[in-house]
Amino acid sequence: QVQLVESGGGLVQPGGSLRLSCAASRSIFRIYDMGWYRQVPGNERELVATITNGDWTNYADSVKGRITITRDHAKNTVYLQMNSLQPEDTAVYYCYAAIRVTGPTHWGQGTQVTVSS
């Protein structure tokens, strides 16, 4: 059962932009935090950005100034606007939702972002 549905990934040239979307199922109630991880084969999954229920945000140092996370509470959807993309941003991006303070409880299926000329 897929409860977070991601979209927006694809191939983009260096310096380009993409916007990822992640829509939470109605079966997920009372989401506190939402956010995005990314993972490259052979590497640990890396936290990219988080956004709280009060729309406070945090970013990995590597993406600050280039990536913006936003949240539409009415649509139960989180977005990741990525600008000035670089090859090192290439990864599978996974969105998550947290309904407990212990960390992510629900995950998206992953969407591939490839930055290449």
PDB file of N, CA and C in Angstrom:
ATOM      1  N   GLN A   1       0.843  -1.187   0.000  1.00  0.00           N
ATOM      2  CA  GLN A   1       0.000   0.000   0.000  1.00  0.00           C
ATOM      3  C   GLN A   1       0.885   1.245   0.000  1.00  0.00           C
ATOM      4  N   VAL A   2       0.791   2.027  -1.059  1.00  0.00           N
ATOM      5  CA  VAL A   2       1.545   3.264  -1.170  1.00  0.00           C
ATOM      6  C   VAL A   2       0.731   4.389  -0.554  1.00  0.00           C
ATOM      7  N   GLN A   3       1.261   4.992   0.500  1.00  0.00           N
ATOM      8  CA  GLN A   3       0.545   6.049   1.203  1.00  0.00           C
ATOM      9  C   GLN A   3       1.088   7.440   0.917  1.00  0.00           C
ATOM     10  N   LEU A   4       2.302   7.529   0.375  1.00  0.00           N
ATOM     11  CA  LEU A   4       2.874   8.780  -0.083  1.00  0.00           C
ATOM     12  C   LEU A   4       3.249   8.607  -1.546  1.00  0.00           C
ATOM     13  N   VAL A   5       2.673   9.420  -2.400  1.00  0.00           N
ATOM     14  CA  VAL A   5       2.882   9.300  -3.837  1.00  0.00           C
ATOM     15  C   VAL A   5       3.723  10.463  -4.314  1.00  0.00           C
ATOM     16  N   GLU A   6       4.885  10.154  -4.874  1.00  0.00           N
ATOM     17  CA  GLU A   6       5.820  11.155  -5.334  1.00  0.00           C
ATOM     18  C   GLU A   6       5.709  11.363  -6.838  1.00  0.00           C
ATOM     19  N   SER A   7       6.059  12.564  -7.265  1.00  0.00           N
ATOM     20  CA  SER A   7       6.131  12.873  -8.676  1.00  0.00           C
ATOM     21  C   SER A   7       7.094  14.033  -8.879  1.00  0.00           C
ATOM     22  N   GLY A   8       7.509  14.239 -10.114  1.00  0.00           N
ATOM     23  CA  GLY A   8       8.306  15.397 -10.464  1.00  0.00           C
ATOM     24  C   GLY A   8       9.761  15.136 -10.769  1.00  0.00           C
ATOM     25  N   GLY A   9      10.225  13.926 -10.551  1.00  0.00           N
ATOM     26  CA  GLY A   9      11.602  13.617 -10.853  1.00  0.00           C
ATOM     27  C   GLY A   9      11.845  13.542 -12.347  1.00  0.00           C
ATOM     28  N   GLY A  10      13.109  13.480 -12.704  1.00  0.00           N
ATOM     29  CA  GLY A  10      13.457  13.388 -14.100  1.00  0.00           C
ATOM     30  C   GLY A  10      14.890  13.775 -14.349  1.00  0.00           C
ATOM     31  N   LEU A  11      15.190  14.003 -15.610  1.00  0.00           N
ATOM     32  CA  LEU A  11      16.520  14.389 -16.054  1.00  0.00           C
ATOM     33  C   LEU A  11      16.565  15.890 -16.279  1.00  0.00           C
ATOM     34  N   VAL A  12      17.572  16.538 -15.722  1.00  0.00           N
ATOM     35  CA  VAL A  12      17.728  17.970 -15.869  1.00  0.00           C
ATOM     36  C   VAL A  12      19.203  18.295 -16.054  1.00  0.00           C
ATOM     37  N   GLN A  13      19.486  19.339 -16.794  1.00  0.00           N
ATOM     38  CA  GLN A  13      20.863  19.765 -17.002  1.00  0.00           C
ATOM     39  C   GLN A  13      21.394  20.507 -15.784  1.00  0.00           C
ATOM     40  N   PRO A  14      22.705  20.494 -15.575  1.00  0.00           N
ATOM     41  CA  PRO A  14      23.270  21.284 -14.485  1.00  0.00           C
ATOM     42  C   PRO A  14      22.809  22.737 -14.551  1.00  0.00           C
ATOM     43  N   GLY A  15      22.434  23.266 -13.404  1.00  0.00           N
ATOM     44  CA  GLY A  15      21.887  24.614 -13.336  1.00  0.00           C
ATOM     45  C   GLY A  15      20.393  24.681 -13.498  1.00  0.00           C
ATOM     46  N   GLY A  16      19.782  23.584 -13.853  1.00  0.00           N
ATOM     47  CA  GLY A  16      18.351  23.548 -14.057  1.00  0.00           C
ATOM     48  C   GLY A  16      17.572  23.375 -12.771  1.00  0.00           C
ATOM     49  N   SER A  17      16.260  23.251 -12.929  1.00  0.00           N
ATOM     50  CA  SER A  17      15.357  23.184 -11.787  1.00  0.00           C
ATOM     51  C   SER A  17      14.360  22.051 -11.943  1.00  0.00           C
ATOM     52  N   LEU A  18      13.925  21.540 -10.817  1.00  0.00           N
ATOM     53  CA  LEU A  18      12.850  20.566 -10.745  1.00  0.00           C
ATOM     54  C   LEU A  18      12.029  20.851  -9.501  1.00  0.00           C
ATOM     55  N   ARG A  19      10.767  20.476  -9.551  1.00  0.00           N
ATOM     56  CA  ARG A  19       9.935  20.531  -8.366  1.00  0.00           C
ATOM     57  C   ARG A  19       9.340  19.161  -8.112  1.00  0.00           C
ATOM     58  N   LEU A  20       9.654  18.608  -6.962  1.00  0.00           N
ATOM     59  CA  LEU A  20       9.120  17.331  -6.545  1.00  0.00           C
ATOM     60  C   LEU A  20       7.873  17.544  -5.700  1.00  0.00           C
ATOM     61  N   SER A  21       6.919  16.650  -5.867  1.00  0.00           N
ATOM     62  CA  SER A  21       5.700  16.690  -5.081  1.00  0.00           C
ATOM     63  C   SER A  21       5.514  15.359  -4.374  1.00  0.00           C
ATOM     64  N   CYS A  22       4.898  15.410  -3.226  1.00  0.00           N
ATOM     65  CA  CYS A  22       4.621  14.209  -2.455  1.00  0.00           C
ATOM     66  C   CYS A  22       3.281  14.381  -1.771  1.00  0.00           C
ATOM     67  N   ALA A  23       2.315  13.597  -2.195  1.00  0.00           N
ATOM     68  CA  ALA A  23       0.963  13.697  -1.675  1.00  0.00           C
ATOM     69  C   ALA A  23       0.686  12.546  -0.721  1.00  0.00           C
ATOM     70  N   ALA A  24       0.294  12.877   0.482  1.00  0.00           N
ATOM     71  CA  ALA A  24      -0.015  11.872   1.489  1.00  0.00           C
ATOM     72  C   ALA A  24      -1.438  11.377   1.337  1.00  0.00           C
ATOM     73  N   SER A  25      -1.602  10.085   1.535  1.00  0.00           N
ATOM     74  CA  SER A  25      -2.926   9.480   1.497  1.00  0.00           C
ATOM     75  C   SER A  25      -3.794  10.001   2.629  1.00  0.00           C
ATOM     76  N   ARG A  26      -5.088   9.993   2.384  1.00  0.00           N
ATOM     77  CA  ARG A  26      -6.030  10.369   3.434  1.00  0.00           C
ATOM     78  C   ARG A  26      -5.984   9.410   4.615  1.00  0.00           C
ATOM     79  N   SER A  27      -5.399   8.237   4.419  1.00  0.00           N
ATOM     80  CA  SER A  27      -5.288   7.271   5.503  1.00  0.00           C
ATOM     81  C   SER A  27      -4.229   7.657   6.529  1.00  0.00           C
ATOM     82  N   ILE A  28      -3.410   8.649   6.222  1.00  0.00           N
ATOM     83  CA  ILE A  28      -2.400   9.139   7.157  1.00  0.00           C
ATOM     84  C   ILE A  28      -2.973  10.342   7.892  1.00  0.00           C
ATOM     85  N   PHE A  29      -3.104  10.201   9.187  1.00  0.00           N
ATOM     86  CA  PHE A  29      -3.736  11.241   9.988  1.00  0.00           C
ATOM     87  C   PHE A  29      -2.716  11.985  10.839  1.00  0.00           C
ATOM     88  N   ARG A  30      -2.988  13.225  11.068  1.00  0.00           N
ATOM     89  CA  ARG A  30      -2.240  14.055  12.006  1.00  0.00           C
ATOM     90  C   ARG A  30      -0.732  13.983  11.759  1.00  0.00           C
ATOM     91  N   ILE A  31      -0.337  14.394  10.586  1.00  0.00           N
ATOM     92  CA  ILE A  31       1.069  14.435  10.232  1.00  0.00           C
ATOM     93  C   ILE A  31       1.729  15.628  10.905  1.00  0.00           C
ATOM     94  N   TYR A  32       2.833  15.374  11.578  1.00  0.00           N
ATOM     95  CA  TYR A  32       3.599  16.450  12.186  1.00  0.00           C
ATOM     96  C   TYR A  32       4.615  17.003  11.198  1.00  0.00           C
ATOM     97  N   ASP A  33       5.689  16.275  10.990  1.00  0.00           N
ATOM     98  CA  ASP A  33       6.713  16.703  10.050  1.00  0.00           C
ATOM     99  C   ASP A  33       6.601  15.948   8.733  1.00  0.00           C
ATOM    100  N   MET A  34       7.020  16.602   7.671  1.00  0.00           N
ATOM    101  CA  MET A  34       7.206  15.970   6.384  1.00  0.00           C
ATOM    102  C   MET A  34       8.569  16.391   5.852  1.00  0.00           C
ATOM    103  N   GLY A  35       9.074  15.648   4.912  1.00  0.00           N
ATOM    104  CA  GLY A  35      10.368  16.018   4.375  1.00  0.00           C
ATOM    105  C   GLY A  35      10.844  15.082   3.299  1.00  0.00           C
ATOM    106  N   TRP A  36      12.118  15.241   2.979  1.00  0.00           N
ATOM    107  CA  TRP A  36      12.732  14.509   1.890  1.00  0.00           C
ATOM    108  C   TRP A  36      14.102  13.982   2.279  1.00  0.00           C
ATOM    109  N   TYR A  37      14.352  12.741   1.935  1.00  0.00           N
ATOM    110  CA  TYR A  37      15.668  12.138   1.957  1.00  0.00           C
ATOM    111  C   TYR A  37      16.091  11.861   0.520  1.00  0.00           C
ATOM    112  N   ARG A  38      17.376  11.640   0.347  1.00  0.00           N
ATOM    113  CA  ARG A  38      17.864  11.176  -0.947  1.00  0.00           C
ATOM    114  C   ARG A  38      18.938  10.122  -0.733  1.00  0.00           C
ATOM    115  N   GLN A  39      19.100   9.267  -1.733  1.00  0.00           N
ATOM    116  CA  GLN A  39      20.049   8.179  -1.604  1.00  0.00           C
ATOM    117  C   GLN A  39      20.681   7.863  -2.943  1.00  0.00           C
ATOM    118  N   VAL A  40      21.987   7.735  -2.912  1.00  0.00           N
ATOM    119  CA  VAL A  40      22.775   7.292  -4.053  1.00  0.00           C
ATOM    120  C   VAL A  40      23.213   5.860  -3.773  1.00  0.00           C
ATOM    121  N   PRO A  41      23.191   4.979  -4.762  1.00  0.00           N
ATOM    122  CA  PRO A  41      23.656   3.610  -4.522  1.00  0.00           C
ATOM    123  C   PRO A  41      25.033   3.579  -3.878  1.00  0.00           C
ATOM    124  N   GLY A  42      25.153   2.797  -2.810  1.00  0.00           N
ATOM    125  CA  GLY A  42      26.403   2.688  -2.084  1.00  0.00           C
ATOM    126  C   GLY A  42      26.574   3.695  -0.974  1.00  0.00           C
ATOM    127  N   ASN A  43      25.641   4.619  -0.830  1.00  0.00           N
ATOM    128  CA  ASN A  43      25.724   5.644   0.196  1.00  0.00           C
ATOM    129  C   ASN A  43      24.558   5.536   1.177  1.00  0.00           C
ATOM    130  N   GLU A  44      24.752   6.156   2.324  1.00  0.00           N
ATOM    131  CA  GLU A  44      23.687   6.244   3.303  1.00  0.00           C
ATOM    132  C   GLU A  44      22.599   7.179   2.801  1.00  0.00           C
ATOM    133  N   ARG A  45      21.386   6.911   3.233  1.00  0.00           N
ATOM    134  CA  ARG A  45      20.298   7.815   2.928  1.00  0.00           C
ATOM    135  C   ARG A  45      20.517   9.138   3.660  1.00  0.00           C
ATOM    136  N   GLU A  46      20.404  10.244   2.945  1.00  0.00           N
ATOM    137  CA  GLU A  46      20.741  11.564   3.450  1.00  0.00           C
ATOM    138  C   GLU A  46      19.489  12.411   3.590  1.00  0.00           C
ATOM    139  N   LEU A  47      19.339  13.037   4.740  1.00  0.00           N
ATOM    140  CA  LEU A  47      18.228  13.949   4.949  1.00  0.00           C
ATOM    141  C   LEU A  47      18.493  15.248   4.198  1.00  0.00           C
ATOM    142  N   VAL A  48      17.546  15.650   3.371  1.00  0.00           N
ATOM    143  CA  VAL A  48      17.688  16.847   2.553  1.00  0.00           C
ATOM    144  C   VAL A  48      16.994  18.040   3.183  1.00  0.00           C
ATOM    145  N   ALA A  49      15.736  17.865   3.557  1.00  0.00           N
ATOM    146  CA  ALA A  49      14.953  18.977   4.082  1.00  0.00           C
ATOM    147  C   ALA A  49      13.777  18.452   4.870  1.00  0.00           C
ATOM    148  N   THR A  50      13.371  19.224   5.866  1.00  0.00           N
ATOM    149  CA  THR A  50      12.193  18.904   6.655  1.00  0.00           C
ATOM    150  C   THR A  50      11.343  20.148   6.822  1.00  0.00           C
ATOM    151  N   ILE A  51      10.069  19.927   7.065  1.00  0.00           N
ATOM    152  CA  ILE A  51       9.157  21.024   7.350  1.00  0.00           C
ATOM    153  C   ILE A  51       8.179  20.557   8.412  1.00  0.00           C
ATOM    154  N   THR A  52       7.984  21.396   9.418  1.00  0.00           N
ATOM    155  CA  THR A  52       7.129  21.031  10.532  1.00  0.00           C
ATOM    156  C   THR A  52       5.680  21.368  10.244  1.00  0.00           C
ATOM    157  N   ASN A  53       4.825  20.969  11.170  1.00  0.00           N
ATOM    158  CA  ASN A  53       3.414  21.298  11.059  1.00  0.00           C
ATOM    159  C   ASN A  53       3.178  22.806  11.117  1.00  0.00           C
ATOM    160  N   GLY A  54       4.111  23.535  11.726  1.00  0.00           N
ATOM    161  CA  GLY A  54       4.038  24.979  11.771  1.00  0.00           C
ATOM    162  C   GLY A  54       4.820  25.656  10.669  1.00  0.00           C
ATOM    163  N   ASP A  55       5.282  24.880   9.697  1.00  0.00           N
ATOM    164  CA  ASP A  55       5.986  25.370   8.503  1.00  0.00           C
ATOM    165  C   ASP A  55       7.377  25.911   8.812  1.00  0.00           C
ATOM    166  N   TRP A  56       7.962  25.479   9.898  1.00  0.00           N
ATOM    167  CA  TRP A  56       9.380  25.723  10.120  1.00  0.00           C
ATOM    168  C   TRP A  56      10.178  24.730   9.291  1.00  0.00           C
ATOM    169  N   THR A  57      11.288  25.179   8.736  1.00  0.00           N
ATOM    170  CA  THR A  57      12.060  24.360   7.815  1.00  0.00           C
ATOM    171  C   THR A  57      13.494  24.181   8.274  1.00  0.00           C
ATOM    172  N   ASN A  58      14.077  23.082   7.847  1.00  0.00           N
ATOM    173  CA  ASN A  58      15.490  22.811   8.035  1.00  0.00           C
ATOM    174  C   ASN A  58      16.033  22.167   6.772  1.00  0.00           C
ATOM    175  N   TYR A  59      17.286  22.486   6.462  1.00  0.00           N
ATOM    176  CA  TYR A  59      17.916  22.001   5.243  1.00  0.00           C
ATOM    177  C   TYR A  59      19.297  21.456   5.527  1.00  0.00           C
ATOM    178  N   ALA A  60      19.683  20.485   4.727  1.00  0.00           N
ATOM    179  CA  ALA A  60      21.065  20.065   4.732  1.00  0.00           C
ATOM    180  C   ALA A  60      21.943  21.200   4.227  1.00  0.00           C
ATOM    181  N   ASP A  61      23.140  21.314   4.788  1.00  0.00           N
ATOM    182  CA  ASP A  61      24.028  22.395   4.384  1.00  0.00           C
ATOM    183  C   ASP A  61      24.314  22.376   2.884  1.00  0.00           C
ATOM    184  N   SER A  62      24.339  21.199   2.309  1.00  0.00           N
ATOM    185  CA  SER A  62      24.694  21.075   0.907  1.00  0.00           C
ATOM    186  C   SER A  62      23.644  21.643  -0.045  1.00  0.00           C
ATOM    187  N   VAL A  63      22.434  21.863   0.444  1.00  0.00           N
ATOM    188  CA  VAL A  63      21.363  22.336  -0.428  1.00  0.00           C
ATOM    189  C   VAL A  63      20.821  23.698  -0.030  1.00  0.00           C
ATOM    190  N   LYS A  64      21.301  24.263   1.057  1.00  0.00           N
ATOM    191  CA  LYS A  64      20.803  25.558   1.501  1.00  0.00           C
ATOM    192  C   LYS A  64      21.013  26.614   0.430  1.00  0.00           C
ATOM    193  N   GLY A  65      19.971  27.390   0.187  1.00  0.00           N
ATOM    194  CA  GLY A  65      20.026  28.419  -0.825  1.00  0.00           C
ATOM    195  C   GLY A  65      19.616  27.954  -2.199  1.00  0.00           C
ATOM    196  N   ARG A  66      19.547  26.656  -2.407  1.00  0.00           N
ATOM    197  CA  ARG A  66      19.189  26.108  -3.709  1.00  0.00           C
ATOM    198  C   ARG A  66      17.870  25.362  -3.683  1.00  0.00           C
ATOM    199  N   ILE A  67      17.474  24.882  -2.523  1.00  0.00           N
ATOM    200  CA  ILE A  67      16.294  24.046  -2.399  1.00  0.00           C
ATOM    201  C   ILE A  67      15.352  24.646  -1.373  1.00  0.00           C
ATOM    202  N   THR A  68      14.073  24.624  -1.702  1.00  0.00           N
ATOM    203  CA  THR A  68      13.044  25.141  -0.813  1.00  0.00           C
ATOM    204  C   THR A  68      11.974  24.080  -0.612  1.00  0.00           C
ATOM    205  N   ILE A  69      11.671  23.801   0.635  1.00  0.00           N
ATOM    206  CA  ILE A  69      10.602  22.869   0.961  1.00  0.00           C
ATOM    207  C   ILE A  69       9.376  23.663   1.395  1.00  0.00           C
ATOM    208  N   THR A  70       8.231  23.281   0.877  1.00  0.00           N
ATOM    209  CA  THR A  70       6.969  23.908   1.249  1.00  0.00           C
ATOM    210  C   THR A  70       5.929  22.829   1.493  1.00  0.00           C
ATOM    211  N   ARG A  71       4.837  23.240   2.093  1.00  0.00           N
ATOM    212  CA  ARG A  71       3.812  22.287   2.476  1.00  0.00           C
ATOM    213  C   ARG A  71       2.441  22.901   2.295  1.00  0.00           C
ATOM    214  N   ASP A  72       1.559  22.155   1.673  1.00  0.00           N
ATOM    215  CA  ASP A  72       0.169  22.543   1.528  1.00  0.00           C
ATOM    216  C   ASP A  72      -0.634  21.671   2.484  1.00  0.00           C
ATOM    217  N   HIS A  73      -1.019  22.234   3.600  1.00  0.00           N
ATOM    218  CA  HIS A  73      -1.695  21.454   4.623  1.00  0.00           C
ATOM    219  C   HIS A  73      -3.065  20.967   4.154  1.00  0.00           C
ATOM    220  N   ALA A  74      -3.767  21.780   3.391  1.00  0.00           N
ATOM    221  CA  ALA A  74      -5.087  21.388   2.918  1.00  0.00           C
ATOM    222  C   ALA A  74      -5.011  20.187   1.993  1.00  0.00           C
ATOM    223  N   LYS A  75      -3.963  20.119   1.188  1.00  0.00           N
ATOM    224  CA  LYS A  75      -3.788  19.019   0.243  1.00  0.00           C
ATOM    225  C   LYS A  75      -2.955  17.879   0.807  1.00  0.00           C
ATOM    226  N   ASN A  76      -2.442  18.042   2.028  1.00  0.00           N
ATOM    227  CA  ASN A  76      -1.586  17.029   2.647  1.00  0.00           C
ATOM    228  C   ASN A  76      -0.405  16.688   1.737  1.00  0.00           C
ATOM    229  N   THR A  77       0.192  17.720   1.192  1.00  0.00           N
ATOM    230  CA  THR A  77       1.235  17.565   0.188  1.00  0.00           C
ATOM    231  C   THR A  77       2.456  18.392   0.556  1.00  0.00           C
ATOM    232  N   VAL A  78       3.626  17.830   0.316  1.00  0.00           N
ATOM    233  CA  VAL A  78       4.878  18.528   0.520  1.00  0.00           C
ATOM    234  C   VAL A  78       5.595  18.629  -0.819  1.00  0.00           C
ATOM    235  N   TYR A  79       6.286  19.744  -1.015  1.00  0.00           N
ATOM    236  CA  TYR A  79       6.979  20.015  -2.256  1.00  0.00           C
ATOM    237  C   TYR A  79       8.451  20.277  -1.979  1.00  0.00           C
ATOM    238  N   LEU A  80       9.257  19.989  -2.973  1.00  0.00           N
ATOM    239  CA  LEU A  80      10.674  20.303  -2.912  1.00  0.00           C
ATOM    240  C   LEU A  80      11.050  21.003  -4.208  1.00  0.00           C
ATOM    241  N   GLN A  81      11.223  22.321  -4.126  1.00  0.00           N
ATOM    242  CA  GLN A  81      11.660  23.100  -5.272  1.00  0.00           C
ATOM    243  C   GLN A  81      13.175  23.116  -5.299  1.00  0.00           C
ATOM    244  N   MET A  82      13.749  22.593  -6.364  1.00  0.00           N
ATOM    245  CA  MET A  82      15.190  22.458  -6.475  1.00  0.00           C
ATOM    246  C   MET A  82      15.689  23.306  -7.629  1.00  0.00           C
ATOM    247  N   ASN A  83      16.544  24.254  -7.315  1.00  0.00           N
ATOM    248  CA  ASN A  83      17.141  25.137  -8.301  1.00  0.00           C
ATOM    249  C   ASN A  83      18.651  24.960  -8.313  1.00  0.00           C
ATOM    250  N   SER A  84      19.271  25.467  -9.360  1.00  0.00           N
ATOM    251  CA  SER A  84      20.726  25.386  -9.499  1.00  0.00           C
ATOM    252  C   SER A  84      21.236  23.974  -9.243  1.00  0.00           C
ATOM    253  N   LEU A  85      20.569  23.022  -9.832  1.00  0.00           N
ATOM    254  CA  LEU A  85      20.919  21.625  -9.588  1.00  0.00           C
ATOM    255  C   LEU A  85      22.299  21.291 -10.125  1.00  0.00           C
ATOM    256  N   GLN A  86      22.975  20.436  -9.413  1.00  0.00           N
ATOM    257  CA  GLN A  86      24.321  20.017  -9.742  1.00  0.00           C
ATOM    258  C   GLN A  86      24.379  18.499  -9.823  1.00  0.00           C
ATOM    259  N   PRO A  87      25.390  17.964 -10.492  1.00  0.00           N
ATOM    260  CA  PRO A  87      25.471  16.502 -10.625  1.00  0.00           C
ATOM    261  C   PRO A  87      25.431  15.770  -9.288  1.00  0.00           C
ATOM    262  N   GLU A  88      25.990  16.355  -8.237  1.00  0.00           N
ATOM    263  CA  GLU A  88      25.974  15.698  -6.940  1.00  0.00           C
ATOM    264  C   GLU A  88      24.586  15.619  -6.327  1.00  0.00           C
ATOM    265  N   ASP A  89      23.616  16.305  -6.909  1.00  0.00           N
ATOM    266  CA  ASP A  89      22.233  16.182  -6.465  1.00  0.00           C
ATOM    267  C   ASP A  89      21.550  14.954  -7.045  1.00  0.00           C
ATOM    268  N   THR A  90      22.204  14.283  -7.957  1.00  0.00           N
ATOM    269  CA  THR A  90      21.640  13.079  -8.558  1.00  0.00           C
ATOM    270  C   THR A  90      21.434  12.009  -7.487  1.00  0.00           C
ATOM    271  N   ALA A  91      20.217  11.518  -7.383  1.00  0.00           N
ATOM    272  CA  ALA A  91      19.875  10.538  -6.362  1.00  0.00           C
ATOM    273  C   ALA A  91      18.426  10.128  -6.550  1.00  0.00           C
ATOM    274  N   VAL A  92      18.033   9.114  -5.810  1.00  0.00           N
ATOM    275  CA  VAL A  92      16.623   8.814  -5.650  1.00  0.00           C
ATOM    276  C   VAL A  92      16.130   9.591  -4.444  1.00  0.00           C
ATOM    277  N   TYR A  93      15.087  10.353  -4.634  1.00  0.00           N
ATOM    278  CA  TYR A  93      14.540  11.188  -3.580  1.00  0.00           C
ATOM    279  C   TYR A  93      13.301  10.530  -2.995  1.00  0.00           C
ATOM    280  N   TYR A  94      13.279  10.399  -1.679  1.00  0.00           N
ATOM    281  CA  TYR A  94      12.186   9.781  -0.960  1.00  0.00           C
ATOM    282  C   TYR A  94      11.543  10.799  -0.031  1.00  0.00           C
ATOM    283  N   CYS A  95      10.263  10.992  -0.157  1.00  0.00           N
ATOM    284  CA  CYS A  95       9.570  11.831   0.796  1.00  0.00           C
ATOM    285  C   CYS A  95       9.116  10.990   1.978  1.00  0.00           C
ATOM    286  N   TYR A  96       8.857  11.666   3.071  1.00  0.00           N
ATOM    287  CA  TYR A  96       8.374  10.969   4.256  1.00  0.00           C
ATOM    288  C   TYR A  96       7.374  11.829   4.996  1.00  0.00           C
ATOM    289  N   ALA A  97       6.615  11.171   5.835  1.00  0.00           N
ATOM    290  CA  ALA A  97       5.742  11.824   6.787  1.00  0.00           C
ATOM    291  C   ALA A  97       6.005  11.219   8.149  1.00  0.00           C
ATOM    292  N   ALA A  98       5.834  12.030   9.172  1.00  0.00           N
ATOM    293  CA  ALA A  98       6.034  11.581  10.542  1.00  0.00           C
ATOM    294  C   ALA A  98       4.785  11.868  11.349  1.00  0.00           C
ATOM    295  N   ILE A  99       4.211  10.815  11.901  1.00  0.00           N
ATOM    296  CA  ILE A  99       3.071  10.976  12.790  1.00  0.00           C
ATOM    297  C   ILE A  99       3.456  10.709  14.241  1.00  0.00           C
ATOM    298  N   ARG A 100       4.726  10.454  14.478  1.00  0.00           N
ATOM    299  CA  ARG A 100       5.285  10.305  15.807  1.00  0.00           C
ATOM    300  C   ARG A 100       6.572  11.110  15.883  1.00  0.00           C
ATOM    301  N   VAL A 101       6.994  11.427  17.113  1.00  0.00           N
ATOM    302  CA  VAL A 101       8.194  12.229  17.294  1.00  0.00           C
ATOM    303  C   VAL A 101       9.465  11.422  17.102  1.00  0.00           C
ATOM    304  N   THR A 102       9.353  10.122  16.969  1.00  0.00           N
ATOM    305  CA  THR A 102      10.520   9.264  16.841  1.00  0.00           C
ATOM    306  C   THR A 102      11.165   9.335  15.467  1.00  0.00           C
ATOM    307  N   GLY A 103      10.466   9.864  14.489  1.00  0.00           N
ATOM    308  CA  GLY A 103      11.011   9.973  13.153  1.00  0.00           C
ATOM    309  C   GLY A 103      10.005   9.596  12.085  1.00  0.00           C
ATOM    310  N   PRO A 104      10.474   9.473  10.842  1.00  0.00           N
ATOM    311  CA  PRO A 104       9.562   9.134   9.743  1.00  0.00           C
ATOM    312  C   PRO A 104       8.811   7.844   9.987  1.00  0.00           C
ATOM    313  N   THR A 105       7.534   7.859   9.653  1.00  0.00           N
ATOM    314  CA  THR A 105       6.702   6.677   9.795  1.00  0.00           C
ATOM    315  C   THR A 105       6.144   6.188   8.475  1.00  0.00           C
ATOM    316  N   HIS A 106       6.144   7.028   7.462  1.00  0.00           N
ATOM    317  CA  HIS A 106       5.624   6.673   6.154  1.00  0.00           C
ATOM    318  C   HIS A 106       6.572   7.202   5.091  1.00  0.00           C
ATOM    319  N   TRP A 107       6.721   6.437   4.014  1.00  0.00           N
ATOM    320  CA  TRP A 107       7.671   6.769   2.962  1.00  0.00           C
ATOM    321  C   TRP A 107       7.030   6.738   1.592  1.00  0.00           C
ATOM    322  N   GLY A 108       7.512   7.613   0.730  1.00  0.00           N
ATOM    323  CA  GLY A 108       7.143   7.554  -0.664  1.00  0.00           C
ATOM    324  C   GLY A 108       7.910   6.475  -1.397  1.00  0.00           C
ATOM    325  N   GLN A 109       7.530   6.254  -2.640  1.00  0.00           N
ATOM    326  CA  GLN A 109       8.124   5.170  -3.419  1.00  0.00           C
ATOM    327  C   GLN A 109       9.491   5.527  -3.992  1.00  0.00           C
ATOM    328  N   GLY A 110       9.853   6.788  -3.939  1.00  0.00           N
ATOM    329  CA  GLY A 110      11.098   7.255  -4.505  1.00  0.00           C
ATOM    330  C   GLY A 110      10.925   7.760  -5.922  1.00  0.00           C
ATOM    331  N   THR A 111      11.607   8.840  -6.231  1.00  0.00           N
ATOM    332  CA  THR A 111      11.607   9.373  -7.582  1.00  0.00           C
ATOM    333  C   THR A 111      13.037   9.742  -7.962  1.00  0.00           C
ATOM    334  N   GLN A 112      13.435   9.337  -9.148  1.00  0.00           N
ATOM    335  CA  GLN A 112      14.807   9.539  -9.596  1.00  0.00           C
ATOM    336  C   GLN A 112      15.010  10.957 -10.093  1.00  0.00           C
ATOM    337  N   VAL A 113      16.048  11.601  -9.583  1.00  0.00           N
ATOM    338  CA  VAL A 113      16.498  12.893 -10.081  1.00  0.00           C
ATOM    339  C   VAL A 113      17.901  12.707 -10.640  1.00  0.00           C
ATOM    340  N   THR A 114      18.065  13.016 -11.903  1.00  0.00           N
ATOM    341  CA  THR A 114      19.358  12.891 -12.554  1.00  0.00           C
ATOM    342  C   THR A 114      19.761  14.242 -13.117  1.00  0.00           C
ATOM    343  N   VAL A 115      20.915  14.728 -12.700  1.00  0.00           N
ATOM    344  CA  VAL A 115      21.444  16.005 -13.160  1.00  0.00           C
ATOM    345  C   VAL A 115      22.665  15.709 -14.017  1.00  0.00           C
ATOM    346  N   SER A 116      22.526  15.919 -15.301  1.00  0.00           N
ATOM    347  CA  SER A 116      23.591  15.568 -16.233  1.00  0.00           C
ATOM    348  C   SER A 116      23.435  16.367 -17.505  1.00  0.00           C
ATOM    349  N   SER A 117      24.557  16.690 -18.115  1.00  0.00           N
ATOM    350  CA  SER A 117      24.551  17.351 -19.408  1.00  0.00           C
ATOM    351  C   SER A 117      24.524  16.357 -20.548  1.00  0.00           C
TER     352      SER A 117
END
